[in-house]
């Protein structure tokens, strides 16, 4: 399994970071009807129970926004992926349908409020280090183009930055050729529901992505 560590600078600014990593073999395909029905049900539930102005107060979102501020980034300008997903749903917009692997990840994020990275493990070179983005550090966000990651919490491998709680990258994105998948649930000092998020992830990966040879690891800052 690919090992993940947290740099000292990030640990000093944001104590209590916790990463729950799940790595497994998967079979990417279109999302089956039962998974799409689960997603639609969750979206209906959120639209009925959540107001736009309440999203930033959700425990996992609030802790993550505080972490961004501690790193020097404005969370209102560079929204966390979980917050962006929740806002999209509450505003009545539809969730993008990407495929079973990414769709189930989004369902877990909507259900728990955690930002979750999803990567093709075969495209990651060496070990993973989580740190803070540097000025001018190159990053191509998935579906976003060039992204200024200065001051953002980021994941790096031997080739450079490849993931952040705001946007995954083009370089390590999941596609139909993906066979080994790495999922990182990111907790910034509020990891009360992280085990719940991990259990749901493992369940959905097994049921809807044909997951096998699964390994898990927890890194704490």
N, C-alpha and C. Protein backbone atom coordinates (compact mmCIF):
# COMPACT_ATOMS: atom_id res chain seq x y z
N UNK A 1 0.84 -1.20 0.00
CA UNK A 1 0.00 0.00 0.00
C UNK A 1 0.87 1.24 0.00
N UNK A 2 0.42 2.29 -0.70
CA UNK A 2 1.15 3.55 -0.75
C UNK A 2 1.07 4.22 0.62
N UNK A 3 2.22 4.62 1.17
CA UNK A 3 2.27 5.23 2.49
C UNK A 3 2.09 6.74 2.38
N UNK A 4 1.32 7.32 3.30
CA UNK A 4 1.10 8.77 3.34
C UNK A 4 1.62 9.33 4.65
N UNK A 5 2.30 10.47 4.58
CA UNK A 5 2.78 11.15 5.78
C UNK A 5 2.36 12.62 5.72
N UNK A 6 2.46 13.30 6.86
CA UNK A 6 2.07 14.71 6.96
C UNK A 6 3.29 15.52 7.33
N UNK A 7 3.60 16.56 6.55
CA UNK A 7 4.78 17.38 6.79
C UNK A 7 4.66 18.14 8.11
N UNK A 8 5.80 18.43 8.73
CA UNK A 8 5.82 19.10 10.03
C UNK A 8 5.18 20.49 9.97
N UNK A 9 5.41 21.22 8.87
CA UNK A 9 4.84 22.57 8.75
C UNK A 9 3.32 22.54 8.82
N UNK A 10 2.72 21.59 8.12
CA UNK A 10 1.27 21.48 8.12
C UNK A 10 0.77 21.02 9.49
N UNK A 11 1.46 20.09 10.12
CA UNK A 11 1.06 19.62 11.45
C UNK A 11 1.11 20.76 12.47
N UNK A 12 2.10 21.65 12.32
CA UNK A 12 2.22 22.77 13.25
C UNK A 12 1.07 23.76 13.09
N UNK A 13 0.65 23.98 11.85
CA UNK A 13 -0.43 24.94 11.60
C UNK A 13 -1.81 24.34 11.86
N UNK A 14 -1.94 23.06 11.59
CA UNK A 14 -3.25 22.40 11.73
C UNK A 14 -3.05 21.11 12.54
N UNK A 15 -3.01 21.21 13.86
CA UNK A 15 -2.85 20.00 14.67
C UNK A 15 -4.07 19.08 14.53
N UNK A 16 -3.83 17.80 14.63
CA UNK A 16 -4.94 16.85 14.64
C UNK A 16 -5.43 16.39 13.29
N UNK A 17 -4.65 16.61 12.23
CA UNK A 17 -5.05 16.11 10.91
C UNK A 17 -5.06 14.58 10.95
N UNK A 18 -6.04 14.01 10.29
CA UNK A 18 -6.15 12.55 10.21
C UNK A 18 -6.49 12.16 8.78
N UNK A 19 -5.74 11.23 8.24
CA UNK A 19 -5.98 10.72 6.89
C UNK A 19 -6.35 9.25 6.98
N UNK A 20 -7.49 8.91 6.43
CA UNK A 20 -7.91 7.51 6.37
C UNK A 20 -7.77 7.08 4.91
N UNK A 21 -6.80 6.22 4.64
CA UNK A 21 -6.50 5.81 3.27
C UNK A 21 -7.07 4.42 3.00
N UNK A 22 -7.73 4.28 1.88
CA UNK A 22 -8.28 3.00 1.44
C UNK A 22 -7.75 2.74 0.03
N UNK A 23 -7.07 1.63 -0.16
CA UNK A 23 -6.52 1.30 -1.48
C UNK A 23 -7.06 -0.07 -1.89
N UNK A 24 -7.51 -0.18 -3.13
CA UNK A 24 -8.10 -1.44 -3.58
C UNK A 24 -8.12 -1.53 -5.10
N UNK A 25 -8.28 -2.75 -5.58
CA UNK A 25 -8.52 -2.96 -7.01
C UNK A 25 -9.99 -2.67 -7.29
N UNK A 26 -10.26 -2.02 -8.42
CA UNK A 26 -11.64 -1.67 -8.77
C UNK A 26 -11.90 -1.96 -10.24
N UNK A 27 -13.18 -1.96 -10.60
CA UNK A 27 -13.60 -2.10 -11.99
C UNK A 27 -14.45 -0.88 -12.34
N UNK A 28 -13.85 0.13 -12.98
CA UNK A 28 -14.62 1.33 -13.33
C UNK A 28 -15.65 1.03 -14.42
N UNK A 29 -16.85 1.55 -14.22
CA UNK A 29 -17.92 1.40 -15.20
C UNK A 29 -18.99 2.43 -14.88
N UNK A 30 -20.05 2.45 -15.69
CA UNK A 30 -21.16 3.35 -15.39
C UNK A 30 -21.80 2.96 -14.06
N UNK A 31 -22.27 3.95 -13.34
CA UNK A 31 -22.90 3.66 -12.05
C UNK A 31 -24.19 2.88 -12.25
N UNK A 32 -24.38 1.79 -11.50
CA UNK A 32 -25.62 1.02 -11.62
C UNK A 32 -26.80 1.79 -11.02
N UNK A 33 -27.99 1.41 -11.42
CA UNK A 33 -29.20 2.10 -10.97
C UNK A 33 -29.32 2.19 -9.44
N UNK A 34 -29.03 1.11 -8.69
CA UNK A 34 -29.17 1.22 -7.23
C UNK A 34 -28.26 2.29 -6.61
N UNK A 35 -27.05 2.44 -7.14
CA UNK A 35 -26.15 3.48 -6.63
C UNK A 35 -26.70 4.86 -6.96
N UNK A 36 -27.18 5.05 -8.18
CA UNK A 36 -27.75 6.33 -8.57
C UNK A 36 -28.98 6.66 -7.73
N UNK A 37 -29.75 5.65 -7.39
CA UNK A 37 -30.93 5.86 -6.55
C UNK A 37 -30.52 6.31 -5.14
N UNK A 38 -29.44 5.71 -4.62
CA UNK A 38 -28.94 6.13 -3.31
C UNK A 38 -28.50 7.58 -3.33
N UNK A 39 -27.83 7.97 -4.41
CA UNK A 39 -27.36 9.35 -4.54
C UNK A 39 -28.55 10.30 -4.62
N UNK A 40 -29.55 9.96 -5.42
CA UNK A 40 -30.73 10.81 -5.55
C UNK A 40 -31.46 10.95 -4.22
N UNK A 41 -31.55 9.85 -3.48
CA UNK A 41 -32.21 9.90 -2.17
C UNK A 41 -31.46 10.82 -1.22
N UNK A 42 -30.13 10.74 -1.22
CA UNK A 42 -29.33 11.61 -0.36
C UNK A 42 -29.49 13.07 -0.77
N UNK A 43 -29.54 13.33 -2.06
CA UNK A 43 -29.72 14.71 -2.54
C UNK A 43 -31.07 15.27 -2.11
N UNK A 44 -32.11 14.47 -2.22
CA UNK A 44 -33.44 14.92 -1.78
C UNK A 44 -33.44 15.21 -0.28
N UNK A 45 -32.80 14.35 0.47
CA UNK A 45 -32.72 14.53 1.92
C UNK A 45 -32.01 15.83 2.27
N UNK A 46 -30.90 16.11 1.59
CA UNK A 46 -30.13 17.32 1.88
C UNK A 46 -30.91 18.57 1.50
N UNK A 47 -31.61 18.54 0.39
CA UNK A 47 -32.39 19.71 -0.04
C UNK A 47 -33.51 20.03 0.94
N UNK A 48 -34.02 19.01 1.60
CA UNK A 48 -35.11 19.20 2.56
C UNK A 48 -34.61 19.62 3.94
N UNK A 49 -33.40 19.24 4.28
CA UNK A 49 -32.93 19.42 5.66
C UNK A 49 -31.86 20.49 5.83
N UNK A 50 -31.27 20.96 4.74
CA UNK A 50 -30.10 21.83 4.85
C UNK A 50 -30.31 23.13 4.08
N UNK A 51 -29.95 24.24 4.71
CA UNK A 51 -29.98 25.54 4.04
C UNK A 51 -28.56 25.91 3.62
N UNK A 52 -28.46 26.71 2.56
CA UNK A 52 -27.16 27.08 2.02
C UNK A 52 -26.27 27.70 3.09
N UNK A 53 -26.85 28.58 3.90
CA UNK A 53 -26.05 29.30 4.89
C UNK A 53 -25.61 28.41 6.05
N UNK A 54 -26.18 27.21 6.16
CA UNK A 54 -25.82 26.31 7.25
C UNK A 54 -24.66 25.38 6.92
N UNK A 55 -24.29 25.30 5.64
CA UNK A 55 -23.29 24.32 5.22
C UNK A 55 -21.94 24.55 5.89
N UNK A 56 -21.52 25.81 5.97
CA UNK A 56 -20.20 26.10 6.53
C UNK A 56 -20.11 25.79 8.02
N UNK A 57 -21.27 25.58 8.67
CA UNK A 57 -21.28 25.27 10.11
C UNK A 57 -21.26 23.78 10.40
N UNK A 58 -21.37 22.95 9.37
CA UNK A 58 -21.29 21.50 9.58
C UNK A 58 -19.91 21.16 10.16
N UNK A 59 -19.83 20.26 11.13
CA UNK A 59 -18.56 20.03 11.84
C UNK A 59 -17.35 19.78 10.94
N UNK A 60 -17.47 18.86 9.99
CA UNK A 60 -16.33 18.55 9.12
C UNK A 60 -15.97 19.73 8.23
N UNK A 61 -16.98 20.45 7.75
CA UNK A 61 -16.74 21.62 6.90
C UNK A 61 -16.11 22.74 7.71
N UNK A 62 -16.64 22.99 8.90
CA UNK A 62 -16.11 24.06 9.74
C UNK A 62 -14.65 23.82 10.09
N UNK A 63 -14.32 22.60 10.45
CA UNK A 63 -12.93 22.27 10.79
C UNK A 63 -12.02 22.43 9.58
N UNK A 64 -12.51 22.04 8.41
CA UNK A 64 -11.71 22.14 7.19
C UNK A 64 -11.49 23.60 6.79
N UNK A 65 -12.52 24.43 6.93
CA UNK A 65 -12.37 25.85 6.62
C UNK A 65 -11.36 26.51 7.55
N UNK A 66 -11.38 26.13 8.82
CA UNK A 66 -10.40 26.66 9.77
C UNK A 66 -8.98 26.26 9.38
N UNK A 67 -8.83 25.04 8.88
CA UNK A 67 -7.52 24.57 8.44
C UNK A 67 -7.02 25.40 7.25
N UNK A 68 -7.91 25.70 6.32
CA UNK A 68 -7.52 26.52 5.17
C UNK A 68 -7.03 27.89 5.63
N UNK A 69 -7.76 28.49 6.56
CA UNK A 69 -7.36 29.81 7.06
C UNK A 69 -6.00 29.73 7.75
N UNK A 70 -5.76 28.65 8.49
CA UNK A 70 -4.48 28.49 9.17
C UNK A 70 -3.32 28.35 8.19
N UNK A 71 -3.63 27.82 7.00
CA UNK A 71 -2.60 27.66 5.96
C UNK A 71 -2.46 28.90 5.08
N UNK A 72 -3.36 29.88 5.26
CA UNK A 72 -3.28 31.12 4.50
C UNK A 72 -4.15 31.18 3.27
N UNK A 73 -5.18 30.32 3.19
CA UNK A 73 -6.05 30.29 2.02
C UNK A 73 -7.48 30.65 2.42
N UNK A 74 -8.15 31.40 1.56
CA UNK A 74 -9.53 31.82 1.80
C UNK A 74 -10.47 30.69 1.40
N UNK A 75 -11.16 30.04 2.36
CA UNK A 75 -12.03 28.91 2.01
C UNK A 75 -13.28 29.31 1.25
N UNK A 76 -13.60 30.61 1.23
CA UNK A 76 -14.75 31.06 0.44
C UNK A 76 -14.39 31.19 -1.03
N UNK A 77 -13.11 31.41 -1.30
CA UNK A 77 -12.65 31.54 -2.69
C UNK A 77 -12.19 30.19 -3.24
N UNK A 78 -11.52 29.42 -2.41
CA UNK A 78 -11.05 28.09 -2.81
C UNK A 78 -11.84 27.07 -1.98
N UNK A 79 -13.03 26.78 -2.44
CA UNK A 79 -13.93 25.95 -1.64
C UNK A 79 -13.45 24.51 -1.56
N UNK A 80 -13.69 23.93 -0.40
CA UNK A 80 -13.45 22.50 -0.23
C UNK A 80 -14.38 21.73 -1.15
N UNK A 81 -13.92 20.60 -1.64
CA UNK A 81 -14.74 19.83 -2.57
C UNK A 81 -16.05 19.39 -1.93
N UNK A 82 -16.03 19.01 -0.65
CA UNK A 82 -17.26 18.59 0.02
C UNK A 82 -18.24 19.75 0.14
N UNK A 83 -17.72 20.92 0.48
CA UNK A 83 -18.58 22.10 0.59
C UNK A 83 -19.18 22.47 -0.77
N UNK A 84 -18.35 22.39 -1.81
CA UNK A 84 -18.83 22.71 -3.16
C UNK A 84 -19.93 21.73 -3.59
N UNK A 85 -19.76 20.45 -3.27
CA UNK A 85 -20.78 19.45 -3.60
C UNK A 85 -22.08 19.74 -2.87
N UNK A 86 -21.99 20.02 -1.58
CA UNK A 86 -23.18 20.29 -0.79
C UNK A 86 -23.91 21.54 -1.28
N UNK A 87 -23.16 22.58 -1.59
CA UNK A 87 -23.78 23.81 -2.09
C UNK A 87 -24.49 23.56 -3.41
N UNK A 88 -23.86 22.78 -4.26
CA UNK A 88 -24.47 22.47 -5.55
C UNK A 88 -25.82 21.77 -5.37
N UNK A 89 -25.86 20.81 -4.48
CA UNK A 89 -27.09 20.05 -4.26
C UNK A 89 -28.16 20.92 -3.62
N UNK A 90 -27.80 21.66 -2.59
CA UNK A 90 -28.78 22.49 -1.88
C UNK A 90 -29.36 23.57 -2.79
N UNK A 91 -28.58 24.03 -3.75
CA UNK A 91 -29.07 25.03 -4.71
C UNK A 91 -29.98 24.41 -5.77
N UNK A 92 -30.15 23.09 -5.72
CA UNK A 92 -31.06 22.43 -6.64
C UNK A 92 -30.41 21.96 -7.93
N UNK A 93 -29.09 22.05 -8.01
CA UNK A 93 -28.39 21.59 -9.20
C UNK A 93 -28.14 20.08 -9.11
N UNK A 94 -27.93 19.48 -10.26
CA UNK A 94 -27.71 18.04 -10.30
C UNK A 94 -26.24 17.72 -10.05
N UNK A 95 -26.00 16.54 -9.51
CA UNK A 95 -24.63 16.06 -9.31
C UNK A 95 -24.12 15.45 -10.61
N UNK A 96 -22.89 15.77 -10.94
CA UNK A 96 -22.30 15.18 -12.15
C UNK A 96 -22.22 13.67 -11.99
N UNK A 97 -22.54 12.95 -13.05
CA UNK A 97 -22.38 11.50 -13.06
C UNK A 97 -21.09 11.17 -13.80
N UNK A 98 -20.13 10.64 -13.08
CA UNK A 98 -18.81 10.37 -13.65
C UNK A 98 -18.62 8.88 -13.93
N UNK A 99 -19.02 8.06 -13.01
CA UNK A 99 -18.82 6.61 -13.07
C UNK A 99 -18.89 6.08 -11.66
N UNK A 100 -18.96 4.77 -11.53
CA UNK A 100 -19.22 4.18 -10.22
C UNK A 100 -18.21 4.57 -9.14
N UNK A 101 -16.92 4.59 -9.48
CA UNK A 101 -15.89 4.85 -8.47
C UNK A 101 -16.00 6.28 -7.93
N UNK A 102 -16.08 7.25 -8.82
CA UNK A 102 -16.16 8.65 -8.39
C UNK A 102 -17.53 8.97 -7.80
N UNK A 103 -18.57 8.41 -8.37
CA UNK A 103 -19.92 8.69 -7.87
C UNK A 103 -20.11 8.21 -6.43
N UNK A 104 -19.57 7.05 -6.11
CA UNK A 104 -19.72 6.55 -4.74
C UNK A 104 -18.88 7.38 -3.77
N UNK A 105 -17.73 7.85 -4.23
CA UNK A 105 -16.92 8.75 -3.42
C UNK A 105 -17.70 10.02 -3.10
N UNK A 106 -18.37 10.58 -4.11
CA UNK A 106 -19.17 11.79 -3.89
C UNK A 106 -20.32 11.54 -2.91
N UNK A 107 -20.90 10.35 -2.98
CA UNK A 107 -21.97 10.01 -2.05
C UNK A 107 -21.47 10.00 -0.61
N UNK A 108 -20.30 9.44 -0.39
CA UNK A 108 -19.71 9.43 0.95
C UNK A 108 -19.44 10.85 1.43
N UNK A 109 -18.92 11.68 0.55
CA UNK A 109 -18.62 13.07 0.89
C UNK A 109 -19.89 13.83 1.26
N UNK A 110 -20.95 13.65 0.47
CA UNK A 110 -22.23 14.30 0.76
C UNK A 110 -22.80 13.81 2.08
N UNK A 111 -22.60 12.55 2.39
CA UNK A 111 -23.19 11.94 3.58
C UNK A 111 -22.47 12.34 4.86
N UNK A 112 -21.19 12.70 4.77
CA UNK A 112 -20.38 12.92 5.97
C UNK A 112 -19.77 14.32 6.07
N UNK A 113 -19.68 15.04 4.96
CA UNK A 113 -19.07 16.36 4.97
C UNK A 113 -17.57 16.37 4.82
N UNK A 114 -16.95 15.19 4.69
CA UNK A 114 -15.50 15.14 4.50
C UNK A 114 -15.15 15.35 3.04
N UNK A 115 -14.09 16.12 2.79
CA UNK A 115 -13.50 16.17 1.46
C UNK A 115 -12.68 14.91 1.29
N UNK A 116 -12.83 14.26 0.13
CA UNK A 116 -12.20 12.96 -0.10
C UNK A 116 -11.46 12.98 -1.42
N UNK A 117 -10.21 12.60 -1.40
CA UNK A 117 -9.43 12.50 -2.63
C UNK A 117 -9.58 11.12 -3.23
N UNK A 118 -9.73 11.07 -4.56
CA UNK A 118 -9.82 9.80 -5.26
C UNK A 118 -8.80 9.75 -6.37
N UNK A 119 -7.88 8.78 -6.34
CA UNK A 119 -6.74 8.78 -7.25
C UNK A 119 -6.51 7.41 -7.88
N UNK A 120 -5.99 7.44 -9.08
CA UNK A 120 -5.50 6.23 -9.73
C UNK A 120 -4.14 5.92 -9.10
N UNK A 121 -4.09 4.90 -8.27
CA UNK A 121 -2.85 4.59 -7.54
C UNK A 121 -1.70 4.25 -8.47
N UNK A 122 -2.02 3.75 -9.66
CA UNK A 122 -0.97 3.41 -10.61
C UNK A 122 -0.27 4.62 -11.20
N UNK A 123 -0.85 5.81 -11.00
CA UNK A 123 -0.25 7.04 -11.52
C UNK A 123 0.53 7.80 -10.46
N UNK A 124 0.56 7.27 -9.25
CA UNK A 124 1.30 7.91 -8.16
C UNK A 124 2.69 7.32 -8.08
N UNK A 125 3.69 8.19 -8.01
CA UNK A 125 5.09 7.76 -7.99
C UNK A 125 5.67 7.92 -6.59
N UNK A 126 5.97 6.80 -5.94
CA UNK A 126 6.59 6.85 -4.62
C UNK A 126 5.59 7.10 -3.51
N UNK A 127 6.11 7.51 -2.35
CA UNK A 127 5.26 7.76 -1.19
C UNK A 127 4.57 9.11 -1.30
N UNK A 128 3.53 9.28 -0.48
CA UNK A 128 2.74 10.51 -0.48
C UNK A 128 3.10 11.35 0.74
N UNK A 129 3.27 12.64 0.52
CA UNK A 129 3.53 13.58 1.60
C UNK A 129 2.48 14.69 1.52
N UNK A 130 1.81 14.97 2.61
CA UNK A 130 0.84 16.06 2.66
C UNK A 130 1.50 17.28 3.25
N UNK A 131 1.42 18.39 2.53
CA UNK A 131 2.03 19.63 2.99
C UNK A 131 1.22 20.83 2.54
N UNK A 132 1.88 21.97 2.45
CA UNK A 132 1.22 23.22 2.06
C UNK A 132 1.78 23.66 0.71
N UNK A 133 0.88 24.05 -0.20
CA UNK A 133 1.29 24.47 -1.53
C UNK A 133 2.22 25.67 -1.52
N UNK A 134 3.18 25.68 -2.44
CA UNK A 134 4.19 26.74 -2.51
C UNK A 134 3.87 27.72 -3.64
N UNK A 135 4.41 28.94 -3.58
CA UNK A 135 4.17 29.92 -4.64
C UNK A 135 4.62 29.38 -6.00
N UNK A 136 3.76 29.47 -6.99
CA UNK A 136 4.11 29.05 -8.34
C UNK A 136 4.15 27.56 -8.56
N UNK A 137 3.79 26.77 -7.57
CA UNK A 137 3.82 25.31 -7.72
C UNK A 137 2.77 24.88 -8.75
N UNK A 138 3.18 24.15 -9.79
CA UNK A 138 2.22 23.81 -10.86
C UNK A 138 1.19 22.78 -10.42
N UNK A 139 -0.04 22.99 -10.89
CA UNK A 139 -1.13 22.07 -10.55
C UNK A 139 -2.26 22.23 -11.56
N UNK A 140 -2.64 21.12 -12.19
CA UNK A 140 -3.78 21.13 -13.11
C UNK A 140 -4.94 20.42 -12.43
N UNK A 141 -5.93 21.22 -12.01
CA UNK A 141 -7.09 20.66 -11.34
C UNK A 141 -7.97 19.90 -12.31
N UNK A 142 -8.56 18.82 -11.84
CA UNK A 142 -9.42 18.00 -12.68
C UNK A 142 -10.68 18.79 -13.03
N UNK A 143 -10.83 19.10 -14.31
CA UNK A 143 -11.96 19.87 -14.77
C UNK A 143 -11.88 21.35 -14.46
N UNK A 144 -10.73 21.82 -13.95
CA UNK A 144 -10.57 23.22 -13.54
C UNK A 144 -9.41 23.91 -14.23
N UNK A 145 -8.51 23.16 -14.84
CA UNK A 145 -7.33 23.77 -15.43
C UNK A 145 -6.33 24.16 -14.36
N UNK A 146 -5.50 25.17 -14.65
CA UNK A 146 -4.47 25.59 -13.70
C UNK A 146 -5.11 26.10 -12.41
N UNK A 147 -4.60 25.63 -11.29
CA UNK A 147 -5.13 26.01 -9.98
C UNK A 147 -3.98 26.53 -9.12
N UNK A 148 -4.19 27.69 -8.50
CA UNK A 148 -3.19 28.27 -7.61
C UNK A 148 -3.26 27.55 -6.26
N UNK A 149 -2.31 26.67 -6.01
CA UNK A 149 -2.34 25.88 -4.78
C UNK A 149 -1.47 26.47 -3.67
N UNK A 150 -0.93 27.67 -3.88
CA UNK A 150 -0.17 28.31 -2.81
C UNK A 150 -1.06 28.45 -1.57
N UNK A 151 -0.60 27.91 -0.45
CA UNK A 151 -1.36 27.99 0.78
C UNK A 151 -2.45 26.95 0.94
N UNK A 152 -2.61 26.07 -0.04
CA UNK A 152 -3.59 24.99 0.08
C UNK A 152 -2.92 23.74 0.66
N UNK A 153 -3.61 22.99 1.49
CA UNK A 153 -3.11 21.66 1.84
C UNK A 153 -3.06 20.80 0.56
N UNK A 154 -1.94 20.16 0.31
CA UNK A 154 -1.80 19.37 -0.92
C UNK A 154 -1.10 18.05 -0.64
N UNK A 155 -1.38 17.08 -1.50
CA UNK A 155 -0.65 15.82 -1.51
C UNK A 155 0.40 15.87 -2.61
N UNK A 156 1.61 15.38 -2.30
CA UNK A 156 2.69 15.33 -3.29
C UNK A 156 3.25 13.91 -3.35
N UNK A 157 3.73 13.56 -4.55
CA UNK A 157 4.53 12.34 -4.69
C UNK A 157 5.87 12.74 -5.27
N UNK A 158 6.60 11.80 -5.83
CA UNK A 158 7.93 12.11 -6.37
C UNK A 158 7.88 13.07 -7.55
N UNK A 159 6.72 13.20 -8.19
CA UNK A 159 6.58 14.06 -9.37
C UNK A 159 5.99 15.42 -9.05
N UNK A 160 5.58 15.64 -7.80
CA UNK A 160 5.00 16.92 -7.43
C UNK A 160 3.59 16.80 -6.89
N UNK A 161 2.91 17.93 -6.78
CA UNK A 161 1.56 17.96 -6.21
C UNK A 161 0.57 17.25 -7.12
N UNK A 162 -0.32 16.46 -6.50
CA UNK A 162 -1.30 15.74 -7.32
C UNK A 162 -2.70 15.72 -6.70
N UNK A 163 -2.88 16.29 -5.51
CA UNK A 163 -4.19 16.25 -4.89
C UNK A 163 -4.35 17.34 -3.86
N UNK A 164 -5.58 17.79 -3.65
CA UNK A 164 -5.90 18.75 -2.60
C UNK A 164 -7.36 18.59 -2.22
N UNK A 165 -7.76 19.09 -1.03
CA UNK A 165 -9.17 18.99 -0.65
C UNK A 165 -10.09 19.88 -1.50
N UNK A 166 -9.51 20.74 -2.33
CA UNK A 166 -10.32 21.57 -3.23
C UNK A 166 -10.56 20.88 -4.56
N UNK A 167 -9.55 20.24 -5.10
CA UNK A 167 -9.69 19.60 -6.41
C UNK A 167 -8.64 18.52 -6.59
N UNK A 168 -9.07 17.38 -7.12
CA UNK A 168 -8.11 16.37 -7.55
C UNK A 168 -7.40 16.88 -8.81
N UNK A 169 -6.37 16.19 -9.23
CA UNK A 169 -5.58 16.66 -10.37
C UNK A 169 -5.81 15.81 -11.61
N UNK A 170 -5.49 16.40 -12.75
CA UNK A 170 -5.58 15.66 -14.01
C UNK A 170 -4.61 14.48 -14.01
N UNK A 171 -3.44 14.68 -13.42
CA UNK A 171 -2.37 13.67 -13.53
C UNK A 171 -2.75 12.33 -12.91
N UNK A 172 -3.44 12.37 -11.80
CA UNK A 172 -3.75 11.12 -11.10
C UNK A 172 -5.24 10.81 -11.10
N UNK A 173 -5.98 11.44 -12.01
CA UNK A 173 -7.42 11.25 -12.05
C UNK A 173 -7.84 9.83 -12.41
N UNK A 174 -8.99 9.44 -11.89
CA UNK A 174 -9.56 8.12 -12.19
C UNK A 174 -10.20 8.15 -13.57
N UNK A 175 -9.96 7.10 -14.36
CA UNK A 175 -10.56 6.99 -15.69
C UNK A 175 -10.88 5.52 -15.95
N UNK A 176 -11.45 5.19 -17.11
CA UNK A 176 -11.84 3.80 -17.37
C UNK A 176 -10.69 2.79 -17.30
N UNK A 177 -9.44 3.27 -17.43
CA UNK A 177 -8.30 2.36 -17.38
C UNK A 177 -7.81 2.10 -15.96
N UNK A 178 -8.35 2.82 -14.98
CA UNK A 178 -7.91 2.67 -13.59
C UNK A 178 -8.18 1.25 -13.09
N UNK A 179 -7.20 0.65 -12.48
CA UNK A 179 -7.37 -0.67 -11.88
C UNK A 179 -7.09 -0.67 -10.37
N UNK A 180 -6.20 0.18 -9.94
CA UNK A 180 -5.89 0.29 -8.51
C UNK A 180 -6.29 1.69 -8.06
N UNK A 181 -7.14 1.76 -7.05
CA UNK A 181 -7.74 3.02 -6.63
C UNK A 181 -7.30 3.37 -5.22
N UNK A 182 -6.98 4.65 -5.01
CA UNK A 182 -6.63 5.14 -3.68
C UNK A 182 -7.61 6.23 -3.28
N UNK A 183 -8.22 6.04 -2.14
CA UNK A 183 -9.20 6.99 -1.60
C UNK A 183 -8.65 7.53 -0.29
N UNK A 184 -8.59 8.85 -0.14
CA UNK A 184 -8.08 9.45 1.09
C UNK A 184 -9.16 10.34 1.69
N UNK A 185 -9.67 9.94 2.84
CA UNK A 185 -10.64 10.75 3.58
C UNK A 185 -9.85 11.69 4.47
N UNK A 186 -10.11 12.99 4.34
CA UNK A 186 -9.28 14.01 4.99
C UNK A 186 -10.03 14.63 6.16
N UNK A 187 -9.49 14.46 7.37
CA UNK A 187 -10.08 15.05 8.56
C UNK A 187 -9.17 16.10 9.16
N UNK A 188 -9.68 17.33 9.29
CA UNK A 188 -8.89 18.43 9.84
C UNK A 188 -9.30 18.72 11.28
N UNK A 189 -8.87 17.87 12.20
CA UNK A 189 -9.13 18.16 13.60
C UNK A 189 -10.54 17.82 14.05
N UNK A 190 -11.38 17.34 13.15
CA UNK A 190 -12.72 16.90 13.54
C UNK A 190 -12.98 15.59 12.82
N UNK A 191 -12.55 14.51 13.42
CA UNK A 191 -12.62 13.21 12.75
C UNK A 191 -13.65 12.29 13.38
N UNK A 192 -14.66 12.89 14.04
CA UNK A 192 -15.65 12.09 14.73
C UNK A 192 -16.39 11.12 13.84
N UNK A 193 -16.66 11.54 12.59
CA UNK A 193 -17.41 10.69 11.67
C UNK A 193 -16.51 9.99 10.66
N UNK A 194 -15.19 10.08 10.86
CA UNK A 194 -14.29 9.52 9.86
C UNK A 194 -14.41 8.01 9.76
N UNK A 195 -14.55 7.33 10.88
CA UNK A 195 -14.71 5.88 10.84
C UNK A 195 -16.00 5.50 10.12
N UNK A 196 -17.05 6.30 10.35
CA UNK A 196 -18.32 6.07 9.64
C UNK A 196 -18.13 6.26 8.14
N UNK A 197 -17.39 7.31 7.76
CA UNK A 197 -17.13 7.56 6.35
C UNK A 197 -16.33 6.41 5.73
N UNK A 198 -15.37 5.89 6.49
CA UNK A 198 -14.55 4.78 5.99
C UNK A 198 -15.39 3.51 5.82
N UNK A 199 -16.23 3.23 6.80
CA UNK A 199 -17.09 2.04 6.70
C UNK A 199 -18.02 2.13 5.49
N UNK A 200 -18.61 3.30 5.29
CA UNK A 200 -19.50 3.49 4.15
C UNK A 200 -18.73 3.35 2.84
N UNK A 201 -17.53 3.90 2.80
CA UNK A 201 -16.69 3.81 1.59
C UNK A 201 -16.38 2.36 1.25
N UNK A 202 -15.95 1.61 2.26
CA UNK A 202 -15.59 0.21 2.05
C UNK A 202 -16.80 -0.59 1.57
N UNK A 203 -17.94 -0.32 2.18
CA UNK A 203 -19.17 -1.01 1.79
C UNK A 203 -19.53 -0.72 0.33
N UNK A 204 -19.50 0.56 -0.04
CA UNK A 204 -19.89 0.96 -1.40
C UNK A 204 -18.88 0.48 -2.44
N UNK A 205 -17.60 0.53 -2.10
CA UNK A 205 -16.58 0.05 -3.04
C UNK A 205 -16.77 -1.44 -3.32
N UNK A 206 -17.06 -2.20 -2.28
CA UNK A 206 -17.28 -3.64 -2.48
C UNK A 206 -18.53 -3.94 -3.27
N UNK A 207 -19.57 -3.18 -3.01
CA UNK A 207 -20.88 -3.46 -3.63
C UNK A 207 -20.98 -2.95 -5.05
N UNK A 208 -20.39 -1.78 -5.32
CA UNK A 208 -20.63 -1.13 -6.61
C UNK A 208 -19.39 -0.94 -7.48
N UNK A 209 -18.20 -1.24 -6.96
CA UNK A 209 -16.99 -1.07 -7.77
C UNK A 209 -16.17 -2.35 -7.85
N UNK A 210 -16.73 -3.46 -7.37
CA UNK A 210 -16.02 -4.74 -7.45
C UNK A 210 -14.71 -4.74 -6.71
N UNK A 211 -14.63 -4.01 -5.59
CA UNK A 211 -13.35 -3.85 -4.88
C UNK A 211 -12.81 -5.18 -4.36
N UNK A 212 -11.50 -5.35 -4.51
CA UNK A 212 -10.80 -6.52 -3.98
C UNK A 212 -9.40 -6.11 -3.57
N UNK A 213 -8.70 -7.02 -2.89
CA UNK A 213 -7.33 -6.73 -2.42
C UNK A 213 -7.28 -5.38 -1.70
N UNK A 214 -8.22 -5.19 -0.79
CA UNK A 214 -8.34 -3.90 -0.11
C UNK A 214 -7.37 -3.79 1.06
N UNK A 215 -6.75 -2.62 1.18
CA UNK A 215 -5.86 -2.30 2.29
C UNK A 215 -6.25 -0.95 2.85
N UNK A 216 -6.09 -0.77 4.15
CA UNK A 216 -6.40 0.51 4.78
C UNK A 216 -5.25 0.95 5.68
N UNK A 217 -5.16 2.25 5.87
CA UNK A 217 -4.12 2.80 6.72
C UNK A 217 -4.58 4.16 7.25
N UNK A 218 -4.25 4.46 8.49
CA UNK A 218 -4.60 5.75 9.08
C UNK A 218 -3.32 6.49 9.44
N UNK A 219 -3.23 7.75 9.01
CA UNK A 219 -2.10 8.61 9.35
C UNK A 219 -2.64 9.77 10.18
N UNK A 220 -2.00 10.03 11.31
CA UNK A 220 -2.44 11.11 12.19
C UNK A 220 -1.33 12.11 12.40
N UNK A 221 -1.70 13.40 12.38
CA UNK A 221 -0.73 14.46 12.57
C UNK A 221 -0.67 14.92 14.02
